[in-house]
Amino acid sequence: MADTLARSPLAPDRFPDLPAISGVQFSTAAAAVKYEGRTDVMLAVLAPGTSVAGVFTRSQTRSASVLDCQAKIGEPGEAGAAILVNSGNANAFTGKLGQSSVDEIVSAVTGVTGVPGNRVFTSSTGVIGEPLPHDRIVGVLDQLNQDLSGDAIADAAEAIRTTDTFAKGAGREISINGDSVKIAGIAKGSGMIAPDMATMLVYIFTDAKIDRADLQAMVSDLNRSSFNCITVDSDTSTSDSLLVCATGQSGVDCSHQEPAFRTALKEVMTELAHLVVRDGEGATKFVTIDVTGAETDAEARTHGLAIANSPLVKTAIAGEDPNWGRVVMAVGKSGAAADRDRLSIWFGDVLVAAQGWVSPDYREEDGAAVMKQQDIRIGVDLGLGGGSATVWTCDLTHGYIAINADYRS
């Protein structure tokens, strides 16, 4: 599927040059999990002493891989770690077979890498409800182990794609007290994106030295304002996983919320989140929704997601129609506090409605001009308090229907 889709018009020109992270190596292989002739398995092996943190979907039908990772993520240990990801099959809603597949893969990864089973994390993405042909994955593990390389992260990003039209990566290199610290991350995601934790599959690596508990606290916190603030289609995946791994190889201690590291990690997480939206299935517009004046930040986020998930708002954006009435509708139905007569709305810098009524200076052609842009901002002020939030989404086009109508073909 991924190979047949036209590249998103919102895609960056190319995959970025990411810094090599000391203490992590990657390899990829074509195991024919679903598609012939394309790489569909990724292995990452991390050095002893690596801290691993993660957040996962809270779907009640989450996959066997997610459940296995959740059980392991808090376990202490100075051993190395390994991450094995396959695309083409989600290994979700597969009953006892799902856990059996995970166990077989974990055991095989341990056999070829020497990484203990409680430090092997697996992810699967693709079609739900079909048994995972794990023997095909096990069959390429020797090759994967032999091909490990410190500069193959771009190949890893390619291998984890499903309906993604481009591989996604982001990185930073910062200086902390004169010493270099590097961060590099990859993600996959295009549809079934409405996070309830992180979203999609995301793997971020750093050579910073950071205690696991501190890393977990930081990742959980930053997730709330990055991956948990995007939506493509309001559907939460069974497989969403975010893992952040700190190898410690730089020797720079970034525990206890070191501000420069925290800022850089937030930038990487936010950039990856934006790339997922920019690759939203059928998307032609990237939309930023800024909500201010809510009673709380949480209520601002509720309003923002109500607007972002509204099919009527999203189709109006696709049609370049400045239909501000649909924004009013979405605010009203969100369930969070709102006062019609205090509501103000902007399209870009154009004030469309103020204090519960269309602005006397608003001209339809000005709103329409904003909607013709590729990157669009919708501003909403509730006039109730100091709560604010930013949510990112895309438009809803015929392309989304075409992709998902024959996804399993």
Protein backbone atom coordinates (compact mmCIF):
# COMPACT_ATOMS: atom_id res chain seq x y z
CA MET A 1 0.00 0.00 0.00
CA ALA A 2 2.66 2.54 1.04
CA ASP A 3 4.55 2.10 -2.20
CA THR A 4 1.49 2.90 -4.36
CA LEU A 5 0.42 6.15 -2.68
CA ALA A 6 1.38 9.53 -4.07
CA ARG A 7 3.70 11.51 -1.80
CA SER A 8 1.81 13.94 0.42
CA PRO A 9 1.86 17.54 -0.87
CA LEU A 10 2.69 18.54 2.72
CA ALA A 11 5.80 16.33 2.88
CA PRO A 12 9.26 17.82 3.45
CA ASP A 13 11.65 17.80 0.50
CA ARG A 14 13.71 14.91 1.87
CA PHE A 15 14.50 12.83 4.92
CA PRO A 16 16.63 14.91 7.28
CA ASP A 17 20.27 14.29 8.11
CA LEU A 18 20.01 12.88 11.62
CA PRO A 19 22.90 12.73 14.07
CA ALA A 20 24.32 9.26 14.69
CA ILE A 21 23.60 8.20 18.26
CA SER A 22 26.44 6.37 19.97
CA GLY A 23 25.23 3.14 21.54
CA VAL A 24 22.48 2.27 19.04
CA GLN A 25 22.64 0.36 15.76
CA PHE A 26 19.95 -0.34 13.18
CA SER A 27 19.23 -2.83 10.42
CA THR A 28 16.32 -3.64 8.13
CA ALA A 29 15.14 -6.59 6.08
CA ALA A 30 12.40 -7.67 3.69
CA ALA A 31 10.47 -10.47 5.39
CA ALA A 32 7.33 -10.38 3.19
CA VAL A 33 5.10 -9.94 6.24
CA LYS A 34 2.46 -8.55 3.88
CA TYR A 35 4.12 -7.06 0.81
CA GLU A 36 6.72 -8.67 -1.41
CA GLY A 37 9.86 -6.79 -2.33
CA ARG A 38 9.92 -4.07 0.35
CA THR A 39 11.69 -3.74 3.68
CA ASP A 40 9.22 -4.38 6.47
CA VAL A 41 11.24 -5.29 9.56
CA MET A 42 13.49 -3.04 11.61
CA LEU A 43 15.88 -4.03 14.41
CA ALA A 44 17.55 -1.58 16.79
CA VAL A 45 20.09 -2.82 19.33
CA LEU A 46 21.14 -0.58 22.21
CA ALA A 47 24.19 -0.64 24.44
CA PRO A 48 24.21 -1.88 28.05
CA GLY A 49 23.10 0.79 30.50
CA THR A 50 20.46 2.24 28.16
CA SER A 51 17.40 3.72 29.87
CA VAL A 52 14.09 3.02 28.12
CA ALA A 53 10.86 4.97 28.70
CA GLY A 54 7.58 4.75 26.87
CA VAL A 55 3.91 5.59 26.59
CA PHE A 56 1.29 3.46 24.89
CA THR A 57 -2.25 3.47 23.60
CA ARG A 58 -5.01 3.18 26.16
CA SER A 59 -7.25 1.44 23.66
CA GLN A 60 -9.16 -1.39 25.29
CA THR A 61 -8.33 -3.58 22.29
CA ARG A 62 -4.59 -2.90 22.24
CA SER A 63 -2.28 -5.37 20.58
CA ALA A 64 -0.20 -8.15 22.10
CA SER A 65 2.99 -6.17 21.38
CA VAL A 66 1.69 -3.16 23.30
CA LEU A 67 0.68 -5.26 26.28
CA ASP A 68 4.08 -6.95 26.30
CA CYS A 69 5.93 -3.62 26.15
CA GLN A 70 3.79 -2.16 28.92
CA ALA A 71 4.65 -5.10 31.16
CA LYS A 72 8.38 -4.61 30.57
CA ILE A 73 8.83 -0.85 30.37
CA GLY A 74 9.27 -0.25 34.10
CA GLU A 75 11.64 -3.12 34.77
CA PRO A 76 15.09 -2.04 36.00
CA GLY A 77 18.27 -3.43 34.48
CA GLU A 78 21.69 -2.50 33.21
CA ALA A 79 21.54 -4.84 30.22
CA GLY A 80 21.28 -3.61 26.68
CA ALA A 81 17.95 -3.36 24.87
CA ALA A 82 16.51 -4.26 21.50
CA ILE A 83 13.52 -3.01 19.51
CA LEU A 84 12.00 -5.14 16.74
CA VAL A 85 9.31 -3.56 14.55
CA ASN A 86 7.36 -5.04 11.67
CA SER A 87 4.98 -3.33 9.27
CA GLY A 88 2.15 -4.91 7.30
CA ASN A 89 0.44 -6.70 10.19
CA ALA A 90 -0.66 -5.21 13.54
CA ASN A 91 -0.75 -8.51 15.47
CA ALA A 92 -3.90 -7.11 17.10
CA PHE A 93 -7.18 -8.94 17.80
CA THR A 94 -5.42 -12.23 17.19
CA GLY A 95 -6.21 -13.92 20.54
CA LYS A 96 -3.61 -16.16 22.13
CA LEU A 97 -1.80 -16.33 18.82
CA GLY A 98 -0.80 -12.68 19.30
CA GLN A 99 1.17 -13.30 22.48
CA SER A 100 2.62 -16.50 21.05
CA SER A 101 3.99 -14.51 18.12
CA VAL A 102 5.49 -11.92 20.47
CA ASP A 103 7.10 -14.66 22.57
CA GLU A 104 8.59 -16.34 19.52
CA ILE A 105 10.04 -13.07 18.21
CA VAL A 106 11.42 -12.02 21.60
CA SER A 107 13.07 -15.40 22.10
CA ALA A 108 14.63 -15.27 18.65
CA VAL A 109 15.91 -11.71 19.14
CA THR A 110 17.49 -12.79 22.42
CA GLY A 111 19.08 -15.74 20.65
CA VAL A 112 20.82 -13.66 17.98
CA THR A 113 21.64 -10.50 19.98
CA GLY A 114 22.12 -11.75 23.52
CA VAL A 115 19.73 -9.08 24.83
CA PRO A 116 17.60 -10.49 27.70
CA GLY A 117 13.95 -11.10 26.85
CA ASN A 118 12.73 -8.54 29.39
CA ARG A 119 14.67 -5.89 27.45
CA VAL A 120 13.33 -6.81 24.01
CA PHE A 121 10.49 -4.55 22.88
CA THR A 122 8.38 -5.39 19.84
CA SER A 123 5.91 -3.37 17.78
CA SER A 124 3.65 -4.37 14.93
CA THR A 125 1.67 -2.11 12.62
CA GLY A 126 -0.70 -2.80 9.76
CA VAL A 127 -3.88 -4.81 9.29
CA ILE A 128 -5.84 -5.80 12.41
CA GLY A 129 -7.24 -9.30 12.96
CA GLU A 130 -4.82 -11.38 10.91
CA PRO A 131 -2.32 -13.75 12.59
CA LEU A 132 1.23 -12.44 12.38
CA PRO A 133 3.47 -14.69 10.25
CA HIS A 134 6.21 -14.39 12.85
CA ASP A 135 8.24 -17.20 11.29
CA ARG A 136 9.04 -14.84 8.41
CA ILE A 137 10.38 -12.28 10.87
CA VAL A 138 12.37 -14.89 12.80
CA GLY A 139 13.78 -16.06 9.48
CA VAL A 140 15.53 -12.74 8.80
CA LEU A 141 16.91 -12.12 12.29
CA ASP A 142 20.36 -13.53 11.57
CA GLN A 143 20.62 -11.18 8.61
CA LEU A 144 19.37 -8.27 10.71
CA ASN A 145 21.94 -8.95 13.41
CA GLN A 146 24.76 -9.16 10.87
CA ASP A 147 23.74 -5.93 9.13
CA LEU A 148 23.56 -3.71 12.23
CA SER A 149 24.98 -0.25 11.58
CA GLY A 150 25.13 3.04 13.47
CA ASP A 151 24.10 5.07 10.43
CA ALA A 152 21.04 3.15 9.18
CA ILE A 153 18.29 5.11 10.94
CA ALA A 154 16.90 6.39 7.62
CA ASP A 155 16.47 2.79 6.45
CA ALA A 156 14.71 2.01 9.74
CA ALA A 157 12.26 4.85 9.14
CA GLU A 158 11.43 3.39 5.72
CA ALA A 159 10.88 -0.13 7.04
CA ILE A 160 8.17 0.82 9.54
CA ARG A 161 5.88 2.58 7.02
CA THR A 162 2.40 1.32 6.12
CA THR A 163 0.19 3.92 4.39
CA ASP A 164 2.79 6.59 5.08
CA THR A 165 3.83 8.35 1.89
CA PHE A 166 7.20 9.40 3.28
CA ALA A 167 9.61 8.34 6.01
CA LYS A 168 9.62 10.62 9.05
CA GLY A 169 12.62 11.73 11.08
CA ALA A 170 13.72 14.58 13.33
CA GLY A 171 16.84 15.31 15.33
CA ARG A 172 18.76 17.84 17.39
CA GLU A 173 22.34 18.30 18.55
CA ILE A 174 22.78 20.59 21.54
CA SER A 175 25.57 21.71 23.83
CA ILE A 176 25.27 21.28 27.58
CA ASN A 177 28.12 22.85 29.54
CA GLY A 178 30.29 22.57 26.45
CA ASP A 179 29.52 18.90 25.78
CA SER A 180 27.51 17.63 22.82
CA VAL A 181 24.25 15.73 23.29
CA LYS A 182 22.41 14.23 20.31
CA ILE A 183 18.79 13.22 19.77
CA ALA A 184 17.36 11.41 16.72
CA GLY A 185 13.88 10.04 16.23
CA ILE A 186 11.71 8.31 13.64
CA ALA A 187 7.96 7.82 13.41
CA LYS A 188 5.28 6.18 11.33
CA GLY A 189 1.68 7.21 11.13
CA SER A 190 -0.78 8.46 8.54
CA GLY A 191 -4.25 7.20 9.42
CA MET A 192 -6.02 5.90 12.52
CA ILE A 193 -4.50 8.88 14.32
CA ALA A 194 -6.25 10.24 17.41
CA PRO A 195 -3.81 9.62 20.21
CA ASP A 196 -4.76 8.61 23.70
CA MET A 197 -1.18 8.41 24.99
CA ALA A 198 1.35 9.00 22.28
CA THR A 199 0.36 7.91 18.82
CA MET A 200 1.38 5.70 15.94
CA LEU A 201 4.83 4.19 16.33
CA VAL A 202 7.64 6.50 17.46
CA TYR A 203 11.22 5.68 18.41
CA ILE A 204 13.55 8.35 19.75
CA PHE A 205 17.20 7.82 20.67
CA THR A 206 19.68 9.99 22.55
CA ASP A 207 23.21 9.60 23.84
CA ALA A 208 22.30 11.55 26.99
CA LYS A 209 22.75 9.90 30.37
CA ILE A 210 19.44 9.99 32.18
CA ASP A 211 17.85 7.93 34.92
CA ARG A 212 14.92 5.81 33.71
CA ALA A 213 12.45 7.32 36.17
CA ASP A 214 13.44 10.85 35.16
CA LEU A 215 13.25 9.95 31.48
CA GLN A 216 9.81 8.41 31.95
CA ALA A 217 8.50 11.47 33.76
CA MET A 218 9.83 13.76 31.04
CA VAL A 219 8.44 11.69 28.18
CA SER A 220 5.02 11.35 29.79
CA ASP A 221 4.85 15.10 30.36
CA LEU A 222 6.08 16.20 26.92
CA ASN A 223 3.77 13.71 25.24
CA ARG A 224 0.74 15.68 26.47
CA SER A 225 1.63 18.73 24.39
CA SER A 226 3.03 16.93 21.33
CA PHE A 227 1.67 13.56 20.21
CA ASN A 228 -1.44 13.85 22.35
CA CYS A 229 -2.35 17.08 20.57
CA ILE A 230 -2.59 15.74 17.03
CA THR A 231 -5.44 14.08 15.19
CA VAL A 232 -5.99 12.97 11.61
CA ASP A 233 -9.27 11.11 11.75
CA SER A 234 -10.33 10.75 15.43
CA ASP A 235 -9.58 7.00 15.46
CA THR A 236 -7.21 5.73 18.16
CA SER A 237 -4.99 2.84 17.10
CA THR A 238 -4.68 -0.52 18.83
CA SER A 239 -0.90 -0.33 18.41
CA ASP A 240 0.23 3.20 19.36
CA SER A 241 3.65 3.12 21.02
CA LEU A 242 6.35 5.68 21.82
CA LEU A 243 9.73 4.52 23.08
CA VAL A 244 12.54 6.89 24.09
CA CYS A 245 15.96 5.35 24.69
CA ALA A 246 18.91 7.09 26.38
CA THR A 247 22.19 5.22 25.85
CA GLY A 248 24.27 7.43 28.17
CA GLN A 249 27.21 7.21 25.77
CA SER A 250 27.85 10.97 25.77
CA GLY A 251 28.44 10.92 29.52
CA VAL A 252 26.34 14.08 29.88
CA ASP A 253 23.88 13.69 32.75
CA CYS A 254 20.48 15.06 31.76
CA SER A 255 18.49 13.71 34.71
CA HIS A 256 16.27 15.91 36.84
CA GLN A 257 14.60 17.72 33.92
CA GLU A 258 17.77 19.36 32.54
CA PRO A 259 16.17 22.32 30.69
CA ALA A 260 18.23 22.33 27.48
CA PHE A 261 17.73 18.61 26.95
CA ARG A 262 14.04 18.84 27.79
CA THR A 263 13.58 21.63 25.24
CA ALA A 264 15.41 19.69 22.53
CA LEU A 265 13.43 16.52 23.22
CA LYS A 266 10.18 18.48 23.09
CA GLU A 267 11.19 19.94 19.73
CA VAL A 268 11.92 16.48 18.30
CA MET A 269 8.65 15.05 19.62
CA THR A 270 6.62 17.99 18.29
CA GLU A 271 8.31 17.89 14.89
CA LEU A 272 7.60 14.17 14.52
CA ALA A 273 3.99 14.75 15.58
CA HIS A 274 3.62 17.44 12.91
CA LEU A 275 5.09 15.13 10.26
CA VAL A 276 2.43 12.55 11.03
CA VAL A 277 -0.29 15.13 10.46
CA ARG A 278 1.41 16.33 7.28
CA ASP A 279 1.18 12.75 6.04
CA GLY A 280 -2.46 12.37 7.07
CA GLU A 281 -4.19 10.12 4.59
CA GLY A 282 -5.36 12.28 1.68
CA ALA A 283 -4.31 15.50 3.43
CA THR A 284 -3.75 18.72 1.50
CA LYS A 285 -3.82 21.21 4.40
CA PHE A 286 -1.91 21.36 7.70
CA VAL A 287 -4.09 23.03 10.33
CA THR A 288 -3.04 24.59 13.63
CA ILE A 289 -5.85 25.25 16.09
CA ASP A 290 -4.98 27.68 18.90
CA VAL A 291 -7.51 27.84 21.71
CA THR A 292 -7.25 30.52 24.40
CA GLY A 293 -9.50 31.92 27.08
CA ALA A 294 -10.77 28.55 28.30
CA GLU A 295 -11.43 27.85 31.97
CA THR A 296 -8.50 25.39 32.06
CA ASP A 297 -5.82 24.04 29.73
CA ALA A 298 -7.64 20.70 29.69
CA GLU A 299 -10.88 22.34 28.56
CA ALA A 300 -8.97 24.27 25.89
CA ARG A 301 -7.61 20.97 24.57
CA THR A 302 -11.12 19.51 24.57
CA HIS A 303 -12.37 22.40 22.45
CA GLY A 304 -9.37 22.14 20.15
CA LEU A 305 -9.88 18.44 19.52
CA ALA A 306 -13.61 18.94 18.95
CA ILE A 307 -12.79 21.41 16.18
CA ALA A 308 -9.96 19.28 14.79
CA ASN A 309 -12.04 16.10 14.70
CA SER A 310 -15.18 17.61 13.21
CA PRO A 311 -15.79 16.15 9.71
CA LEU A 312 -17.71 19.32 8.82
CA VAL A 313 -14.81 21.58 9.82
CA LYS A 314 -12.28 19.36 8.06
CA THR A 315 -14.26 19.09 4.82
CA ALA A 316 -14.82 22.85 4.77
CA ILE A 317 -11.06 23.31 5.01
CA ALA A 318 -10.57 20.80 2.19
CA GLY A 319 -13.01 22.80 0.08
CA GLU A 320 -11.30 26.08 1.06
CA ASP A 321 -14.60 27.32 2.47
CA PRO A 322 -14.23 29.82 5.38
CA ASN A 323 -17.28 28.39 7.13
CA TRP A 324 -16.80 29.77 10.62
CA GLY A 325 -20.25 28.51 11.65
CA ARG A 326 -18.81 25.00 11.73
CA VAL A 327 -16.19 26.12 14.24
CA VAL A 328 -18.97 27.57 16.39
CA MET A 329 -20.79 24.25 16.16
CA ALA A 330 -17.71 22.26 17.19
CA VAL A 331 -17.09 24.47 20.22
CA GLY A 332 -20.69 24.14 21.28
CA LYS A 333 -20.73 20.33 21.14
CA SER A 334 -17.34 19.75 22.80
CA GLY A 335 -18.71 19.35 26.30
CA ALA A 336 -16.29 21.91 27.74
CA ALA A 337 -17.48 25.25 29.09
CA ALA A 338 -18.30 27.92 26.50
CA ASP A 339 -20.29 31.14 26.31
CA ARG A 340 -21.70 31.98 22.90
CA ASP A 341 -21.55 35.72 23.55
CA ARG A 342 -17.87 35.71 24.48
CA LEU A 343 -16.61 33.60 21.60
CA SER A 344 -14.14 35.03 19.08
CA ILE A 345 -12.70 33.27 16.00
CA TRP A 346 -9.80 33.98 13.65
CA PHE A 347 -8.78 32.44 10.35
CA GLY A 348 -5.08 33.24 10.19
CA ASP A 349 -4.82 36.89 11.24
CA VAL A 350 -8.34 37.63 10.02
CA LEU A 351 -10.83 38.29 12.83
CA VAL A 352 -13.95 36.47 11.70
CA ALA A 353 -16.19 36.65 14.76
CA ALA A 354 -15.94 38.69 17.96
CA GLN A 355 -17.93 38.46 21.17
CA GLY A 356 -20.51 36.07 19.79
CA TRP A 357 -21.16 37.72 16.42
CA VAL A 358 -19.51 38.09 13.04
CA SER A 359 -16.94 40.88 13.10
CA PRO A 360 -18.18 44.08 11.40
CA ASP A 361 -14.85 44.30 9.55
CA TYR A 362 -14.89 40.71 8.31
CA ARG A 363 -14.96 40.14 4.57
CA GLU A 364 -15.64 36.70 3.12
CA GLU A 365 -12.89 37.10 0.54
CA ASP A 366 -10.34 37.61 3.33
CA GLY A 367 -11.36 34.38 5.02
CA ALA A 368 -11.33 32.55 1.69
CA ALA A 369 -7.79 33.75 1.00
CA VAL A 370 -6.61 32.17 4.26
CA MET A 371 -8.29 28.87 3.38
CA LYS A 372 -6.39 28.68 0.11
CA GLN A 373 -3.10 28.45 2.01
CA GLN A 374 -1.41 25.10 2.63
CA ASP A 375 -0.74 25.87 6.30
CA ILE A 376 -3.79 27.30 8.07
CA ARG A 377 -4.28 28.65 11.57
CA ILE A 378 -7.66 28.74 13.30
CA GLY A 379 -7.76 30.82 16.47
CA VAL A 380 -10.52 30.53 19.06
CA ASP A 381 -10.85 32.59 22.23
CA LEU A 382 -13.50 31.51 24.75
CA GLY A 383 -13.27 34.64 26.91
CA LEU A 384 -13.69 32.59 30.10
CA GLY A 385 -10.26 32.25 31.71
CA GLY A 386 -6.56 31.62 31.23
CA GLY A 387 -6.63 28.10 29.78
CA SER A 388 -4.96 27.49 26.43
CA ALA A 389 -3.96 24.64 24.12
CA THR A 390 -2.72 24.03 20.60
CA VAL A 391 -3.94 21.12 18.50
CA TRP A 392 -2.80 20.09 15.01
CA THR A 393 -4.84 18.37 12.33
CA CYS A 394 -5.37 18.17 8.57
CA ASP A 395 -8.26 18.41 6.17
CA LEU A 396 -10.54 15.55 5.15
CA THR A 397 -10.58 14.83 1.42
CA HIS A 398 -11.78 12.23 -1.06
CA GLY A 399 -8.26 10.82 -0.84
CA TYR A 400 -8.85 9.62 2.72
CA ILE A 401 -11.88 7.63 1.59
CA ALA A 402 -10.03 6.12 -1.38
CA ILE A 403 -7.12 4.97 0.79
CA ASN A 404 -9.24 3.42 3.51
CA ALA A 405 -11.91 1.90 1.28
CA ASP A 406 -9.38 -0.63 -0.02
CA TYR A 407 -6.76 -0.66 2.77
CA ARG A 408 -6.76 -4.45 3.07
CA SER A 409 -6.29 -5.08 -0.64
